[in-house]
Amino acid sequence: MNSKKQFDFVKNRKRFFTLSLLILATGLVFLLVSGMNFGVDFKAGTNIDLVVGKTLDKAKVDEIMSQLSSSGQVTSRYADPTIGGTNNDRVSIRFDEVLNDDAINKIQSAFAAAYGGEVSKEVNTVDPQLAKELLIKAGYAVGIASVLICLYVSIRFEWRFALAAIIAILHDAFMVIAVFAIFRLEVNLPFLAAVLTTIGYSINDKIVIFDRIRENLRFAKLKTDEDLVALVNDSIWQTMARNINTVLVVLVAAGSLYIFGSESIKLFALAKLIGLTSGAYSSIFIACALWYMFKRNSLSSKKKAAA
């Protein structure tokens, strides 16, 4: 394959590096200034799901909660109620504090009185100590997964591949975090699951291209920098069809979850969509370019030694 007739990924690497850095830097600023919008899984509080059996009206729900707050029956701050369910008959309300049984019963009674009928409830409460423990373990999970992947790639390939892969994987994981930080989307346990599966998908996508680069290296005679550029570009184009087909299939699946799934799974699906897209992008535009830069340095060292 004549790579000169195709788009040159390596020569244009600075454009993609700049794009990624702009997004990640913006996410980092939002993260440092505002922090993450942690859900009840990582922040102490109570989440109440009420099913009223009738279609809920957002304005009426807001009015009920406003009356409860103004009368002093509910003193804890709460996030904007979310309406969902098969017939929009379920409302989910997250409170910043752990509610006692009396406050929970008052909320249930208020909705029962407003909509006339039985109102079933589901209550999830996380105390401060458990929330802190979950957050710490979430960080450990991402860190351990990244280290094990790095070891795996180091054993299967070489350190240059491993270093390029781990930088690109961290890029993908933080890309999801950055988007959620910028748009103040809720971070919960499903979000963590999405980040971890993003890491798994991302390394699989990169190994496919790295495997082709390693195979082409066996028969390549790398004398100049142009030879190395051509090898990387050829390897990317040789795996392009496979990469596009794979990412389209998984994006359709994640997109279907986001469009047709319940409210409780939408943020998980959105995090998956961001992570899968970032994983496919970084495999082609980031990881391979990084490996090229590391390998180019080794070629320069050999030339100096020979001279």
Protein backbone atom coordinates (compact mmCIF):
# COMPACT_ATOMS: atom_id res chain seq x y z
CA MET A 1 0.00 0.00 0.00
CA ASN A 2 1.32 3.45 -0.92
CA SER A 3 0.75 5.53 2.19
CA LYS A 4 1.48 8.76 0.24
CA LYS A 5 -1.92 8.42 -1.44
CA GLN A 6 -3.66 8.14 1.91
CA PHE A 7 -4.14 10.51 4.80
CA ASP A 8 -0.89 10.78 6.77
CA PHE A 9 -1.76 10.16 10.42
CA VAL A 10 1.80 10.52 11.66
CA LYS A 11 2.64 13.80 9.93
CA ASN A 12 -0.62 15.35 11.22
CA ARG A 13 -0.18 14.06 14.77
CA LYS A 14 0.30 17.53 16.30
CA ARG A 15 -3.22 18.55 15.25
CA PHE A 16 -4.74 15.62 17.09
CA PHE A 17 -2.47 16.06 20.10
CA THR A 18 -3.59 19.71 20.29
CA LEU A 19 -7.28 18.79 20.01
CA SER A 20 -7.01 16.22 22.79
CA LEU A 21 -5.03 18.56 25.03
CA LEU A 22 -7.60 21.34 24.59
CA ILE A 23 -10.49 19.07 25.63
CA LEU A 24 -8.58 17.49 28.51
CA ALA A 25 -7.27 20.84 29.76
CA THR A 26 -10.78 22.30 29.72
CA GLY A 27 -12.05 19.27 31.65
CA LEU A 28 -9.21 19.63 34.17
CA VAL A 29 -10.09 23.30 34.77
CA PHE A 30 -13.74 22.42 35.41
CA LEU A 31 -12.64 19.53 37.61
CA LEU A 32 -10.41 21.75 39.75
CA VAL A 33 -12.90 24.62 39.96
CA SER A 34 -16.22 22.80 40.33
CA GLY A 35 -15.27 19.18 41.00
CA MET A 36 -17.37 16.24 39.84
CA ASN A 37 -21.12 16.08 40.27
CA PHE A 38 -21.06 13.00 42.48
CA GLY A 39 -24.28 11.05 42.80
CA VAL A 40 -25.59 9.34 45.90
CA ASP A 41 -23.19 6.40 45.33
CA PHE A 42 -20.15 8.59 46.06
CA LYS A 43 -21.73 11.27 48.22
CA ALA A 44 -23.71 10.84 51.39
CA GLY A 45 -27.44 11.28 50.86
CA THR A 46 -30.74 9.63 50.03
CA ASN A 47 -32.26 8.81 46.65
CA ILE A 48 -36.02 8.24 46.56
CA ASP A 49 -37.88 6.66 43.63
CA LEU A 50 -41.66 7.06 43.77
CA VAL A 51 -44.08 5.27 41.42
CA VAL A 52 -47.53 6.88 41.41
CA GLY A 53 -49.25 4.80 38.71
CA LYS A 54 -50.18 7.91 36.69
CA THR A 55 -48.36 10.15 34.26
CA LEU A 56 -46.42 12.74 36.23
CA ASP A 57 -46.36 16.43 35.40
CA LYS A 58 -43.00 18.15 35.97
CA ALA A 59 -44.55 21.43 37.11
CA LYS A 60 -46.77 19.61 39.61
CA VAL A 61 -43.82 17.59 40.95
CA ASP A 62 -41.83 20.80 41.46
CA GLU A 63 -44.81 22.36 43.22
CA ILE A 64 -45.15 19.42 45.63
CA MET A 65 -41.46 19.53 46.53
CA SER A 66 -41.57 23.32 46.91
CA GLN A 67 -44.47 23.05 49.35
CA LEU A 68 -42.68 20.38 51.37
CA SER A 69 -39.58 22.58 51.60
CA SER A 70 -41.42 25.79 52.45
CA SER A 71 -43.45 24.05 55.19
CA GLY A 72 -40.30 22.66 56.76
CA GLN A 73 -41.29 19.02 56.25
CA VAL A 74 -38.20 18.53 54.07
CA THR A 75 -35.12 20.54 55.10
CA SER A 76 -32.43 18.81 53.01
CA ARG A 77 -31.37 20.22 49.65
CA TYR A 78 -32.30 18.10 46.67
CA ALA A 79 -31.43 17.86 42.98
CA ASP A 80 -33.95 18.60 40.24
CA PRO A 81 -36.47 15.70 40.28
CA THR A 82 -36.20 13.34 37.30
CA ILE A 83 -39.33 11.83 35.75
CA GLY A 84 -39.12 8.46 34.01
CA GLY A 85 -40.65 5.02 33.90
CA THR A 86 -42.71 3.27 31.24
CA ASN A 87 -45.50 5.88 31.27
CA ASN A 88 -43.56 8.67 33.01
CA ASP A 89 -45.09 7.47 36.26
CA ARG A 90 -41.87 7.40 38.30
CA VAL A 91 -40.05 10.32 39.86
CA SER A 92 -36.52 10.14 41.24
CA ILE A 93 -35.34 12.69 43.81
CA ARG A 94 -31.81 12.83 45.21
CA PHE A 95 -31.21 14.56 48.56
CA ASP A 96 -27.85 15.81 49.80
CA GLU A 97 -28.43 14.47 53.31
CA VAL A 98 -29.54 11.16 54.77
CA LEU A 99 -33.30 11.46 55.37
CA ASN A 100 -35.03 9.87 58.34
CA ASP A 101 -38.12 7.69 57.97
CA ASP A 102 -40.45 10.52 58.98
CA ALA A 103 -39.28 12.80 56.14
CA ILE A 104 -39.47 9.95 53.62
CA ASN A 105 -43.03 9.10 54.67
CA LYS A 106 -44.08 12.76 54.38
CA ILE A 107 -42.79 12.89 50.81
CA GLN A 108 -44.60 9.67 49.92
CA SER A 109 -47.84 10.94 51.52
CA ALA A 110 -47.63 14.25 49.65
CA PHE A 111 -47.44 12.50 46.28
CA ALA A 112 -50.22 10.07 47.27
CA ALA A 113 -52.46 13.01 48.17
CA ALA A 114 -51.65 14.88 44.97
CA TYR A 115 -52.19 11.95 42.62
CA GLY A 116 -54.77 10.03 44.61
CA GLY A 117 -53.80 6.43 45.02
CA GLU A 118 -51.12 4.08 46.21
CA VAL A 119 -47.56 5.34 45.84
CA SER A 120 -44.77 2.80 46.07
CA LYS A 121 -41.28 3.89 47.02
CA GLU A 122 -37.71 2.68 46.73
CA VAL A 123 -35.14 4.32 48.98
CA ASN A 124 -31.35 4.14 48.59
CA THR A 125 -29.23 5.68 51.32
CA VAL A 126 -25.46 6.06 51.50
CA ASP A 127 -23.81 7.21 54.72
CA PRO A 128 -20.72 9.48 54.59
CA GLN A 129 -18.23 6.75 55.52
CA LEU A 130 -19.50 4.34 52.86
CA ALA A 131 -19.52 7.10 50.22
CA LYS A 132 -15.87 7.94 50.99
CA GLU A 133 -14.91 4.25 50.86
CA LEU A 134 -16.64 3.75 47.51
CA LEU A 135 -14.85 6.75 46.03
CA ILE A 136 -11.42 5.53 47.19
CA LYS A 137 -12.03 2.01 45.89
CA ALA A 138 -13.19 3.43 42.56
CA GLY A 139 -9.84 5.16 42.19
CA TYR A 140 -8.03 1.94 43.11
CA ALA A 141 -10.04 -0.01 40.51
CA VAL A 142 -9.07 2.35 37.68
CA GLY A 143 -5.44 2.45 38.81
CA ILE A 144 -5.06 -1.33 39.15
CA ALA A 145 -6.73 -1.95 35.78
CA SER A 146 -4.33 0.50 34.11
CA VAL A 147 -1.23 -1.07 35.72
CA LEU A 148 -2.26 -4.63 34.78
CA ILE A 149 -2.93 -3.59 31.20
CA CYS A 150 0.47 -1.94 31.05
CA LEU A 151 2.12 -5.15 32.28
CA TYR A 152 0.19 -7.24 29.76
CA VAL A 153 1.22 -5.06 26.83
CA SER A 154 4.84 -4.96 28.05
CA ILE A 155 4.99 -8.77 28.13
CA ARG A 156 3.21 -9.29 24.81
CA PHE A 157 4.96 -6.50 22.90
CA GLU A 158 7.66 -4.14 24.20
CA TRP A 159 7.93 -1.15 26.48
CA ARG A 160 7.35 1.40 23.69
CA PHE A 161 4.00 -0.18 22.83
CA ALA A 162 3.13 -0.40 26.53
CA LEU A 163 3.97 3.24 27.21
CA ALA A 164 2.03 4.45 24.17
CA ALA A 165 -0.94 2.26 25.14
CA ILE A 166 -1.09 3.37 28.77
CA ILE A 167 -0.93 7.07 27.82
CA ALA A 168 -3.71 6.58 25.28
CA ILE A 169 -5.82 4.56 27.74
CA LEU A 170 -5.49 7.27 30.40
CA HIS A 171 -6.45 9.75 27.67
CA ASP A 172 -9.66 7.80 27.02
CA ALA A 173 -10.56 7.42 30.69
CA PHE A 174 -9.97 11.10 31.43
CA MET A 175 -11.87 12.11 28.28
CA VAL A 176 -15.02 10.59 29.82
CA ILE A 177 -14.27 12.30 33.15
CA ALA A 178 -13.61 15.62 31.38
CA VAL A 179 -16.92 15.62 29.50
CA PHE A 180 -18.85 14.74 32.67
CA ALA A 181 -17.01 17.49 34.58
CA ILE A 182 -17.64 20.12 31.88
CA PHE A 183 -21.38 19.40 31.59
CA ARG A 184 -21.88 18.63 35.31
CA LEU A 185 -23.31 15.17 34.62
CA GLU A 186 -23.90 12.89 37.59
CA VAL A 187 -21.12 10.47 38.51
CA ASN A 188 -22.25 7.19 40.10
CA LEU A 189 -21.35 3.49 40.12
CA PRO A 190 -22.63 2.86 36.55
CA PHE A 191 -20.31 5.68 35.47
CA LEU A 192 -17.37 3.81 37.04
CA ALA A 193 -18.43 0.65 35.20
CA ALA A 194 -18.47 2.64 31.95
CA VAL A 195 -14.93 3.96 32.57
CA LEU A 196 -13.59 0.47 33.33
CA THR A 197 -15.20 -1.05 30.24
CA THR A 198 -13.84 1.87 28.21
CA ILE A 199 -10.34 0.91 29.37
CA GLY A 200 -10.95 -2.71 28.34
CA TYR A 201 -12.31 -1.78 24.91
CA SER A 202 -9.59 0.80 24.35
CA ILE A 203 -6.70 -1.60 24.90
CA ASN A 204 -8.30 -4.22 22.65
CA ASP A 205 -8.58 -1.68 19.83
CA LYS A 206 -4.97 -0.58 20.23
CA ILE A 207 -3.58 -4.11 20.36
CA VAL A 208 -5.09 -4.82 16.93
CA ILE A 209 -3.11 -1.96 15.37
CA PHE A 210 0.01 -2.64 17.44
CA ASP A 211 -0.08 -6.28 16.37
CA ARG A 212 -0.10 -5.20 12.73
CA ILE A 213 2.77 -2.77 13.34
CA ARG A 214 4.80 -5.54 14.99
CA GLU A 215 4.07 -7.90 12.11
CA ASN A 216 5.12 -5.31 9.54
CA LEU A 217 8.28 -4.60 11.55
CA ARG A 218 9.46 -8.16 10.92
CA PHE A 219 9.78 -7.51 7.18
CA ALA A 220 10.57 -3.80 7.21
CA LYS A 221 13.97 -2.24 6.62
CA LEU A 222 13.89 0.97 8.57
CA LYS A 223 16.71 3.19 7.38
CA THR A 224 15.07 6.60 7.46
CA ASP A 225 12.34 8.41 9.36
CA GLU A 226 10.17 8.26 6.24
CA ASP A 227 10.33 4.45 6.34
CA LEU A 228 9.01 4.46 9.90
CA VAL A 229 6.25 6.95 9.02
CA ALA A 230 5.18 4.76 6.08
CA LEU A 231 5.14 1.63 8.26
CA VAL A 232 2.88 3.22 10.87
CA ASN A 233 0.50 4.71 8.29
CA ASP A 234 0.30 1.45 6.35
CA SER A 235 -0.43 -0.50 9.55
CA ILE A 236 -3.25 1.89 10.46
CA TRP A 237 -4.84 1.71 7.01
CA GLN A 238 -4.55 -2.08 6.93
CA THR A 239 -6.64 -2.32 10.11
CA MET A 240 -8.94 0.63 9.35
CA ALA A 241 -11.89 -1.41 8.03
CA ARG A 242 -11.82 -3.67 11.08
CA ASN A 243 -11.63 -0.69 13.45
CA ILE A 244 -14.49 1.16 11.77
CA ASN A 245 -16.75 -1.90 11.69
CA THR A 246 -16.06 -2.71 15.35
CA VAL A 247 -16.66 0.81 16.64
CA LEU A 248 -19.86 1.18 14.60
CA VAL A 249 -21.29 -2.02 16.07
CA VAL A 250 -20.55 -1.06 19.67
CA LEU A 251 -21.72 2.53 19.12
CA VAL A 252 -25.04 1.27 17.77
CA ALA A 253 -25.44 -0.92 20.88
CA ALA A 254 -24.51 1.89 23.29
CA GLY A 255 -26.62 4.37 21.34
CA SER A 256 -29.63 2.09 21.57
CA LEU A 257 -29.19 1.89 25.34
CA TYR A 258 -29.07 5.67 25.53
CA ILE A 259 -32.13 6.26 23.31
CA PHE A 260 -34.36 3.40 24.42
CA GLY A 261 -33.01 2.64 27.90
CA SER A 262 -34.51 3.82 31.17
CA GLU A 263 -33.40 7.03 32.88
CA SER A 264 -31.26 5.06 35.32
CA ILE A 265 -29.07 3.70 32.51
CA LYS A 266 -28.85 6.77 30.24
CA LEU A 267 -25.76 8.27 31.88
CA PHE A 268 -24.03 4.88 31.77
CA ALA A 269 -24.81 4.63 28.05
CA LEU A 270 -23.63 8.20 27.48
CA ALA A 271 -20.34 7.51 29.26
CA LYS A 272 -19.94 4.41 27.09
CA LEU A 273 -20.57 6.42 23.92
CA ILE A 274 -17.93 8.97 24.90
CA GLY A 275 -15.43 6.31 25.95
CA LEU A 276 -15.90 4.12 22.87
CA THR A 277 -15.54 7.08 20.53
CA SER A 278 -12.45 8.30 22.37
CA GLY A 279 -10.98 4.78 22.34
CA ALA A 280 -11.35 4.44 18.57
CA TYR A 281 -9.99 7.96 18.04
CA SER A 282 -6.95 7.54 20.31
CA SER A 283 -6.05 4.14 18.83
CA ILE A 284 -5.58 5.71 15.41
CA PHE A 285 -4.50 9.27 16.12
CA ILE A 286 -2.77 9.15 19.52
CA ALA A 287 -1.34 5.72 20.41
CA CYS A 288 0.30 5.00 17.04
CA ALA A 289 1.78 8.50 16.85
CA LEU A 290 3.20 8.12 20.35
CA TRP A 291 4.80 4.78 19.46
CA TYR A 292 6.28 6.38 16.33
CA MET A 293 7.88 9.12 18.45
CA PHE A 294 9.39 6.59 20.88
CA LYS A 295 10.64 4.37 18.04
CA ARG A 296 12.06 7.31 16.11
CA ASN A 297 14.24 8.18 19.07
CA SER A 298 15.70 4.66 19.06
CA LEU A 299 16.47 4.91 15.34
CA SER A 300 18.26 8.21 15.92
CA SER A 301 20.32 6.61 18.69
CA LYS A 302 21.36 3.74 16.40
CA LYS A 303 22.42 6.16 13.66
CA LYS A 304 24.59 8.11 16.09
CA ALA A 305 26.18 4.90 17.38
CA ALA A 306 26.90 3.73 13.83
CA ALA A 307 28.46 7.09 12.97
